[in-house]
C-alpha atoms as a PDB file:
ATOM      1  CA  MET A   1     -14.949  77.742  10.864  1.00  0.00           C
ATOM      2  CA  GLU A   2     -12.693  80.760  11.242  1.00  0.00           C
ATOM      3  CA  SER A   3      -9.193  79.824  12.350  1.00  0.00           C
ATOM      4  CA  GLN A   4      -7.753  81.429  15.421  1.00  0.00           C
ATOM      5  CA  ARG A   5      -4.293  82.729  14.566  1.00  0.00           C
ATOM      6  CA  TYR A   6      -1.975  81.033  17.008  1.00  0.00           C
ATOM      7  CA  SER A   7       1.632  80.048  16.356  1.00  0.00           C
ATOM      8  CA  GLY A   8       1.997  77.657  19.252  1.00  0.00           C
ATOM      9  CA  THR A   9       0.895  74.063  19.797  1.00  0.00           C
ATOM     10  CA  TRP A  10      -2.383  72.794  18.353  1.00  0.00           C
ATOM     11  CA  VAL A  11      -4.010  69.467  19.157  1.00  0.00           C
ATOM     12  CA  VAL A  12      -6.088  67.996  16.320  1.00  0.00           C
ATOM     13  CA  MET A  13      -8.711  65.531  17.522  1.00  0.00           C
ATOM     14  CA  PRO A  14     -11.178  63.892  15.088  1.00  0.00           C
ATOM     15  CA  THR A  15     -14.486  62.762  16.558  1.00  0.00           C
ATOM     16  CA  TYR A  16     -17.372  60.560  15.558  1.00  0.00           C
ATOM     17  CA  ASN A  17     -19.921  59.656  18.224  1.00  0.00           C
ATOM     18  CA  GLU A  18     -17.740  60.704  21.154  1.00  0.00           C
ATOM     19  CA  VAL A  19     -20.324  62.708  23.119  1.00  0.00           C
ATOM     20  CA  GLU A  20     -19.630  60.659  26.258  1.00  0.00           C
ATOM     21  CA  ASN A  21     -15.888  61.244  26.120  1.00  0.00           C
ATOM     22  CA  LEU A  22     -15.675  64.891  25.081  1.00  0.00           C
ATOM     23  CA  PRO A  23     -16.568  66.555  28.428  1.00  0.00           C
ATOM     24  CA  GLY A  24     -13.627  64.886  30.152  1.00  0.00           C
ATOM     25  CA  ILE A  25     -10.960  64.637  27.468  1.00  0.00           C
ATOM     26  CA  VAL A  26     -11.110  68.272  26.337  1.00  0.00           C
ATOM     27  CA  PRO A  27     -10.226  69.903  29.690  1.00  0.00           C
ATOM     28  CA  ALA A  28      -7.633  67.182  30.339  1.00  0.00           C
ATOM     29  CA  ILE A  29      -5.860  68.043  27.069  1.00  0.00           C
ATOM     30  CA  LEU A  30      -5.844  71.766  27.751  1.00  0.00           C
ATOM     31  CA  ALA A  31      -4.605  71.207  31.301  1.00  0.00           C
ATOM     32  CA  ALA A  32      -1.776  68.958  30.091  1.00  0.00           C
ATOM     33  CA  LEU A  33      -0.606  71.529  27.539  1.00  0.00           C
ATOM     34  CA  PRO A  34      -1.082  75.002  29.020  1.00  0.00           C
ATOM     35  CA  GLY A  35      -1.178  77.645  26.328  1.00  0.00           C
ATOM     36  CA  SER A  36      -2.159  75.209  23.582  1.00  0.00           C
ATOM     37  CA  ALA A  37      -5.215  75.262  21.316  1.00  0.00           C
ATOM     38  CA  LEU A  38      -7.522  72.388  20.387  1.00  0.00           C
ATOM     39  CA  LEU A  39      -9.285  71.703  17.105  1.00  0.00           C
ATOM     40  CA  VAL A  40     -12.127  69.185  17.239  1.00  0.00           C
ATOM     41  CA  VAL A  41     -12.869  67.761  13.769  1.00  0.00           C
ATOM     42  CA  ASP A  42     -16.342  66.250  13.856  1.00  0.00           C
ATOM     43  CA  ASP A  43     -17.742  64.188  10.989  1.00  0.00           C
ATOM     44  CA  SER A  44     -21.412  65.032  11.628  1.00  0.00           C
ATOM     45  CA  SER A  45     -21.740  62.668  14.591  1.00  0.00           C
ATOM     46  CA  PRO A  46     -25.387  61.640  14.993  1.00  0.00           C
ATOM     47  CA  ASP A  47     -25.017  61.475  18.792  1.00  0.00           C
ATOM     48  CA  GLY A  48     -24.545  65.242  19.178  1.00  0.00           C
ATOM     49  CA  THR A  49     -20.751  65.331  19.550  1.00  0.00           C
ATOM     50  CA  GLY A  50     -20.466  68.315  17.212  1.00  0.00           C
ATOM     51  CA  GLU A  51     -23.073  70.330  19.084  1.00  0.00           C
ATOM     52  CA  LEU A  52     -21.375  69.594  22.404  1.00  0.00           C
ATOM     53  CA  ALA A  53     -18.025  70.644  20.913  1.00  0.00           C
ATOM     54  CA  ASP A  54     -19.591  73.946  19.831  1.00  0.00           C
ATOM     55  CA  LYS A  55     -20.816  74.518  23.377  1.00  0.00           C
ATOM     56  CA  LEU A  56     -17.362  73.851  24.821  1.00  0.00           C
ATOM     57  CA  ALA A  57     -15.814  76.191  22.243  1.00  0.00           C
ATOM     58  CA  ALA A  58     -18.257  78.943  23.176  1.00  0.00           C
ATOM     59  CA  GLU A  59     -17.043  78.657  26.762  1.00  0.00           C
ATOM     60  CA  ASP A  60     -13.300  78.491  26.023  1.00  0.00           C
ATOM     61  CA  ALA A  61     -11.503  80.502  23.337  1.00  0.00           C
ATOM     62  CA  ARG A  62      -8.768  77.870  23.085  1.00  0.00           C
ATOM     63  CA  ILE A  63     -11.198  75.406  21.469  1.00  0.00           C
ATOM     64  CA  ARG A  64     -12.201  75.450  17.807  1.00  0.00           C
ATOM     65  CA  VAL A  65     -14.563  73.089  15.984  1.00  0.00           C
ATOM     66  CA  MET A  66     -14.569  71.953  12.351  1.00  0.00           C
ATOM     67  CA  HIS A  67     -17.794  70.376  11.130  1.00  0.00           C
ATOM     68  CA  ARG A  68     -17.491  68.038   8.156  1.00  0.00           C
ATOM     69  CA  PRO A  69     -20.594  66.995   6.212  1.00  0.00           C
ATOM     70  CA  SER A  70     -20.230  63.226   6.640  1.00  0.00           C
ATOM     71  CA  LYS A  71     -18.027  60.425   7.893  1.00  0.00           C
ATOM     72  CA  GLN A  72     -15.210  60.174   5.338  1.00  0.00           C
ATOM     73  CA  GLY A  73     -12.481  58.323   7.203  1.00  0.00           C
ATOM     74  CA  LEU A  74     -10.003  59.119   9.945  1.00  0.00           C
ATOM     75  CA  GLY A  75      -7.203  60.030   7.560  1.00  0.00           C
ATOM     76  CA  LYS A  76      -9.266  62.599   5.705  1.00  0.00           C
ATOM     77  CA  ALA A  77     -10.431  64.103   8.980  1.00  0.00           C
ATOM     78  CA  TYR A  78      -6.814  64.497  10.065  1.00  0.00           C
ATOM     79  CA  ILE A  79      -5.774  66.031   6.747  1.00  0.00           C
ATOM     80  CA  ALA A  80      -8.567  68.600   6.976  1.00  0.00           C
ATOM     81  CA  GLY A  81      -7.611  69.399  10.562  1.00  0.00           C
ATOM     82  CA  PHE A  82      -3.901  69.608   9.818  1.00  0.00           C
ATOM     83  CA  ARG A  83      -4.470  72.034   6.980  1.00  0.00           C
ATOM     84  CA  GLU A  84      -6.655  74.188   9.209  1.00  0.00           C
ATOM     85  CA  VAL A  85      -4.138  74.503  12.036  1.00  0.00           C
ATOM     86  CA  LEU A  86      -1.182  74.973   9.703  1.00  0.00           C
ATOM     87  CA  ASP A  87      -3.068  77.847   8.106  1.00  0.00           C
ATOM     88  CA  ALA A  88      -3.673  79.182  11.610  1.00  0.00           C
ATOM     89  CA  GLY A  89       0.092  79.293  12.229  1.00  0.00           C
ATOM     90  CA  ALA A  90       0.676  76.169  14.331  1.00  0.00           C
ATOM     91  CA  ASP A  91       4.334  75.332  14.839  1.00  0.00           C
ATOM     92  CA  ARG A  92       3.759  72.063  16.727  1.00  0.00           C
ATOM     93  CA  ILE A  93       0.841  69.769  16.006  1.00  0.00           C
ATOM     94  CA  VAL A  94      -0.437  66.845  18.048  1.00  0.00           C
ATOM     95  CA  GLN A  95      -2.827  64.213  16.698  1.00  0.00           C
ATOM     96  CA  MET A  96      -4.795  62.054  19.114  1.00  0.00           C
ATOM     97  CA  ASP A  97      -8.020  60.141  19.643  1.00  0.00           C
ATOM     98  CA  ALA A  98     -10.909  61.364  21.774  1.00  0.00           C
ATOM     99  CA  ASP A  99     -11.682  58.069  23.542  1.00  0.00           C
ATOM    100  CA  TRP A 100      -9.007  58.193  26.298  1.00  0.00           C
ATOM    101  CA  SER A 101      -6.909  55.481  24.633  1.00  0.00           C
ATOM    102  CA  HIS A 102      -4.363  58.284  24.198  1.00  0.00           C
ATOM    103  CA  ASP A 103      -3.842  59.592  27.716  1.00  0.00           C
ATOM    104  CA  PRO A 104      -3.252  63.365  27.917  1.00  0.00           C
ATOM    105  CA  LYS A 105      -0.587  62.746  30.570  1.00  0.00           C
ATOM    106  CA  TYR A 106       1.855  61.922  27.752  1.00  0.00           C
ATOM    107  CA  LEU A 107       1.279  65.156  25.833  1.00  0.00           C
ATOM    108  CA  ALA A 108       3.988  67.246  27.468  1.00  0.00           C
ATOM    109  CA  THR A 109       6.630  64.587  26.759  1.00  0.00           C
ATOM    110  CA  LEU A 110       5.521  64.182  23.154  1.00  0.00           C
ATOM    111  CA  VAL A 111       5.578  67.898  22.442  1.00  0.00           C
ATOM    112  CA  GLY A 112       8.793  68.443  24.397  1.00  0.00           C
ATOM    113  CA  GLY A 113      10.543  65.853  22.245  1.00  0.00           C
ATOM    114  CA  LEU A 114      10.106  68.119  19.243  1.00  0.00           C
ATOM    115  CA  ASP A 115      12.959  70.248  20.575  1.00  0.00           C
ATOM    116  CA  GLN A 116      15.269  67.582  19.137  1.00  0.00           C
ATOM    117  CA  ASP A 117      13.151  65.509  16.758  1.00  0.00           C
ATOM    118  CA  ASP A 118      10.705  66.107  13.925  1.00  0.00           C
ATOM    119  CA  LEU A 119       8.104  63.453  14.726  1.00  0.00           C
ATOM    120  CA  MET A 120       7.340  61.946  18.108  1.00  0.00           C
ATOM    121  CA  ILE A 121       5.294  58.748  18.346  1.00  0.00           C
ATOM    122  CA  GLY A 122       3.476  57.497  21.427  1.00  0.00           C
ATOM    123  CA  SER A 123       4.402  53.833  21.167  1.00  0.00           C
ATOM    124  CA  ARG A 124       2.791  50.722  22.624  1.00  0.00           C
ATOM    125  CA  TYR A 125       5.597  48.493  21.393  1.00  0.00           C
ATOM    126  CA  VAL A 126       8.785  49.850  22.934  1.00  0.00           C
ATOM    127  CA  ALA A 127      10.117  49.122  26.418  1.00  0.00           C
ATOM    128  CA  GLY A 128       7.710  50.545  28.977  1.00  0.00           C
ATOM    129  CA  GLY A 129       4.770  50.671  26.577  1.00  0.00           C
ATOM    130  CA  GLY A 130       1.786  48.371  26.423  1.00  0.00           C
ATOM    131  CA  VAL A 131      -1.916  47.791  25.863  1.00  0.00           C
ATOM    132  CA  ARG A 132      -4.718  47.222  28.357  1.00  0.00           C
ATOM    133  CA  ASN A 133      -8.175  45.739  27.913  1.00  0.00           C
ATOM    134  CA  TRP A 134      -7.550  44.196  24.492  1.00  0.00           C
ATOM    135  CA  GLY A 135      -8.189  40.559  23.685  1.00  0.00           C
ATOM    136  CA  VAL A 136      -5.512  38.277  22.258  1.00  0.00           C
ATOM    137  CA  LEU A 137      -6.804  38.607  18.683  1.00  0.00           C
ATOM    138  CA  ARG A 138      -6.813  42.409  18.740  1.00  0.00           C
ATOM    139  CA  LYS A 139      -3.283  42.474  20.134  1.00  0.00           C
ATOM    140  CA  LEU A 140      -2.131  40.027  17.453  1.00  0.00           C
ATOM    141  CA  ILE A 141      -3.684  42.081  14.647  1.00  0.00           C
ATOM    142  CA  SER A 142      -2.118  45.317  15.873  1.00  0.00           C
ATOM    143  CA  ARG A 143       1.353  43.918  16.457  1.00  0.00           C
ATOM    144  CA  SER A 144       1.290  41.998  13.188  1.00  0.00           C
ATOM    145  CA  GLY A 145       0.212  45.092  11.290  1.00  0.00           C
ATOM    146  CA  SER A 146       3.072  47.152  12.676  1.00  0.00           C
ATOM    147  CA  LEU A 147       5.596  44.379  12.090  1.00  0.00           C
ATOM    148  CA  PHE A 148       4.369  43.838   8.524  1.00  0.00           C
ATOM    149  CA  ALA A 149       4.595  47.549   7.700  1.00  0.00           C
ATOM    150  CA  ARG A 150       7.968  47.895   9.428  1.00  0.00           C
ATOM    151  CA  THR A 151       9.406  44.994   7.443  1.00  0.00           C
ATOM    152  CA  VAL A 152       7.913  45.797   4.038  1.00  0.00           C
ATOM    153  CA  LEU A 153       8.647  49.526   4.220  1.00  0.00           C
ATOM    154  CA  GLY A 154      11.998  49.298   5.972  1.00  0.00           C
ATOM    155  CA  LEU A 155      11.065  51.597   8.861  1.00  0.00           C
ATOM    156  CA  SER A 156      12.607  51.798  12.329  1.00  0.00           C
ATOM    157  CA  PRO A 157       9.619  52.761  14.558  1.00  0.00           C
ATOM    158  CA  HIS A 158       7.973  49.797  16.267  1.00  0.00           C
ATOM    159  CA  ASP A 159       4.447  51.193  16.536  1.00  0.00           C
ATOM    160  CA  LEU A 160       3.341  52.205  13.052  1.00  0.00           C
ATOM    161  CA  THR A 161      -0.405  51.741  13.457  1.00  0.00           C
ATOM    162  CA  GLY A 162      -0.851  54.082  16.411  1.00  0.00           C
ATOM    163  CA  ALA A 163      -2.195  57.607  15.915  1.00  0.00           C
ATOM    164  CA  PHE A 164      -0.775  59.394  18.964  1.00  0.00           C
ATOM    165  CA  LYS A 165       1.865  61.672  17.461  1.00  0.00           C
ATOM    166  CA  ALA A 166       3.420  65.122  17.666  1.00  0.00           C
ATOM    167  CA  TRP A 167       4.822  66.879  14.594  1.00  0.00           C
ATOM    168  CA  ARG A 168       7.030  69.826  13.865  1.00  0.00           C
ATOM    169  CA  ARG A 169       5.342  72.224  11.506  1.00  0.00           C
ATOM    170  CA  ASP A 170       7.783  71.864   8.600  1.00  0.00           C
ATOM    171  CA  THR A 171       7.720  68.069   8.773  1.00  0.00           C
ATOM    172  CA  LEU A 172       3.943  67.886   8.666  1.00  0.00           C
ATOM    173  CA  ALA A 173       3.526  70.621   6.058  1.00  0.00           C
ATOM    174  CA  GLY A 174       6.071  68.874   3.835  1.00  0.00           C
ATOM    175  CA  LEU A 175       4.010  65.707   3.386  1.00  0.00           C
ATOM    176  CA  PRO A 176       2.422  65.122  -0.061  1.00  0.00           C
ATOM    177  CA  TRP A 177      -1.198  65.407   1.036  1.00  0.00           C
ATOM    178  CA  ALA A 178      -2.713  65.325  -2.444  1.00  0.00           C
ATOM    179  CA  GLY A 179      -1.017  62.028  -3.281  1.00  0.00           C
ATOM    180  CA  MET A 180      -1.995  60.046  -0.173  1.00  0.00           C
ATOM    181  CA  HIS A 181      -3.938  56.812  -0.598  1.00  0.00           C
ATOM    182  CA  SER A 182      -5.449  56.144   2.793  1.00  0.00           C
ATOM    183  CA  GLY A 183      -8.590  57.538   4.311  1.00  0.00           C
ATOM    184  CA  GLY A 184      -8.702  55.180   7.270  1.00  0.00           C
ATOM    185  CA  TYR A 185      -6.457  54.006  10.073  1.00  0.00           C
ATOM    186  CA  VAL A 186      -3.565  53.099   7.763  1.00  0.00           C
ATOM    187  CA  PHE A 187      -3.110  56.854   7.433  1.00  0.00           C
ATOM    188  CA  SER A 188      -0.796  56.574  10.452  1.00  0.00           C
ATOM    189  CA  ILE A 189       1.497  54.165   8.621  1.00  0.00           C
ATOM    190  CA  GLU A 190       1.508  56.231   5.445  1.00  0.00           C
ATOM    191  CA  THR A 191       2.362  59.529   7.126  1.00  0.00           C
ATOM    192  CA  THR A 192       5.204  58.024   9.157  1.00  0.00           C
ATOM    193  CA  PHE A 193       6.593  56.331   6.042  1.00  0.00           C
ATOM    194  CA  LEU A 194       6.493  59.517   3.963  1.00  0.00           C
ATOM    195  CA  ALA A 195       8.006  61.572   6.778  1.00  0.00           C
ATOM    196  CA  ALA A 196      10.845  59.057   7.118  1.00  0.00           C
ATOM    197  CA  ARG A 197      11.514  59.177   3.379  1.00  0.00           C
ATOM    198  CA  ASN A 198      11.682  62.969   3.668  1.00  0.00           C
ATOM    199  CA  GLY A 199      14.472  62.560   6.221  1.00  0.00           C
ATOM    200  CA  ALA A 200      12.500  63.274   9.391  1.00  0.00           C
ATOM    201  CA  ARG A 201      14.068  62.472  12.732  1.00  0.00           C
ATOM    202  CA  ILE A 202      11.581  60.128  14.388  1.00  0.00           C
ATOM    203  CA  ARG A 203      11.531  58.990  18.001  1.00  0.00           C
ATOM    204  CA  GLU A 204       9.150  56.848  20.049  1.00  0.00           C
ATOM    205  CA  ILE A 205       8.212  57.225  23.695  1.00  0.00           C
ATOM    206  CA  PRO A 206       6.417  54.471  25.615  1.00  0.00           C
ATOM    207  CA  ILE A 207       2.709  54.835  26.333  1.00  0.00           C
ATOM    208  CA  ILE A 208       0.113  52.595  27.903  1.00  0.00           C
ATOM    209  CA  PHE A 209      -2.800  52.358  25.496  1.00  0.00           C
ATOM    210  CA  VAL A 210      -6.099  51.690  27.278  1.00  0.00           C
ATOM    211  CA  ASP A 211      -9.026  50.518  25.161  1.00  0.00           C
ATOM    212  CA  ARG A 212     -12.011  52.840  25.154  1.00  0.00           C
ATOM    213  CA  GLN A 213     -14.367  52.629  28.111  1.00  0.00           C
ATOM    214  CA  ARG A 214     -17.244  54.508  26.470  1.00  0.00           C
ATOM    215  CA  GLY A 215     -18.607  54.324  22.952  1.00  0.00           C
ATOM    216  CA  ALA A 216     -18.053  51.716  20.250  1.00  0.00           C
ATOM    217  CA  SER A 217     -14.803  50.707  18.575  1.00  0.00           C
ATOM    218  CA  LYS A 218     -14.502  51.732  14.924  1.00  0.00           C
ATOM    219  CA  MET A 219     -12.136  48.903  13.957  1.00  0.00           C
ATOM    220  CA  SER A 220     -13.362  46.662  11.128  1.00  0.00           C
ATOM    221  CA  ARG A 221     -12.194  43.991   8.722  1.00  0.00           C
ATOM    222  CA  GLY A 222     -12.172  46.578   5.932  1.00  0.00           C
ATOM    223  CA  ILE A 223      -9.693  48.719   7.860  1.00  0.00           C
ATOM    224  CA  ILE A 224      -7.324  45.768   8.187  1.00  0.00           C
ATOM    225  CA  VAL A 225      -7.556  44.914   4.481  1.00  0.00           C
ATOM    226  CA  GLU A 226      -6.937  48.555   3.544  1.00  0.00           C
ATOM    227  CA  ALA A 227      -3.830  48.663   5.715  1.00  0.00           C
ATOM    228  CA  PHE A 228      -2.172  45.677   4.055  1.00  0.00           C
ATOM    229  CA  ALA A 229      -3.091  46.931   0.579  1.00  0.00           C
ATOM    230  CA  VAL A 230      -1.751  50.443   1.155  1.00  0.00           C
ATOM    231  CA  VAL A 231       1.520  49.176   2.641  1.00  0.00           C
ATOM    232  CA  LEU A 232       2.151  46.993  -0.401  1.00  0.00           C
ATOM    233  CA  ARG A 233       1.222  49.814  -2.749  1.00  0.00           C
ATOM    234  CA  LEU A 234       3.599  52.246  -1.043  1.00  0.00           C
ATOM    235  CA  ARG A 235       6.475  49.797  -1.356  1.00  0.00           C
ATOM    236  CA  TRP A 236       5.646  49.115  -5.003  1.00  0.00           C
ATOM    237  CA  GLU A 237       5.523  52.827  -5.792  1.00  0.00           C
ATOM    238  CA  GLU A 238       8.846  53.373  -4.050  1.00  0.00           C
ATOM    239  CA  LEU A 239      10.489  50.583  -6.037  1.00  0.00           C
ATOM    240  CA  ARG A 240       9.198  52.184  -9.251  1.00  0.00           C
ATOM    241  CA  GLY A 241      10.223  55.679  -8.179  1.00  0.00           C
ATOM    242  CA  LYS A 242       6.600  56.802  -8.134  1.00  0.00           C
ATOM    243  CA  LEU A 243       6.116  57.972  -4.547  1.00  0.00           C
ATOM    244  CA  PRO A 244       4.096  61.207  -4.319  1.00  0.00           C
ATOM    245  CA  ARG A 245       6.200  64.327  -4.121  1.00  0.00           C
ATOM    246  CA  SER A 246       6.324  66.402  -1.001  1.00  0.00           C
ATOM    247  CA  GLY A 247       4.775  69.798  -0.583  1.00  0.00           C
END
């Protein structure tokens, strides 16, 4: 794809089989952040998500689409999207899911917080935040994962596994992309950890996370195992002075 040069706010939204959600979430994002641009990063969804994204982009110049050849993991999709919008001149970057679990109504607050802070996190686990439509086991896994990462890595944010974030350009561009371990959902933990170690000012705002109403969840046992392994590896590398360098 050819990047649109735009030095404002970009929203990066990876997709895989989200054809049912795209028609509603895209206009809601653009309405919530007037003047912003949206990059859809599609991993060759077999349900036609990429083709629908192309149609929406043809109708609205604020939308761009990146087509990747296969499903390679959420983290890698975000890295590809981040690099694209940074090259396009983005000065504020939002990352979010396409399944309505990240409500666009929070976007203005997330982006506005970057006036004072370097990384804003939409948090389920601070006062006023929460989760809807999850079973007890899913809630336990999510909370335990955040608590485990927070304890092992010595981080202050309460919601480390969530992927609803807004970044200042310099903070995001300063992360050591080439040295990252995670391709899956633990990417959210790793990026927050590395940003914190770079001295980023991080703040959480409460959100209500609503489980997807359309499409299938992509959570799996392998994702959970990867998360615990990467957290331990990051701590071990830090103790040995072997964390990847920024830039």
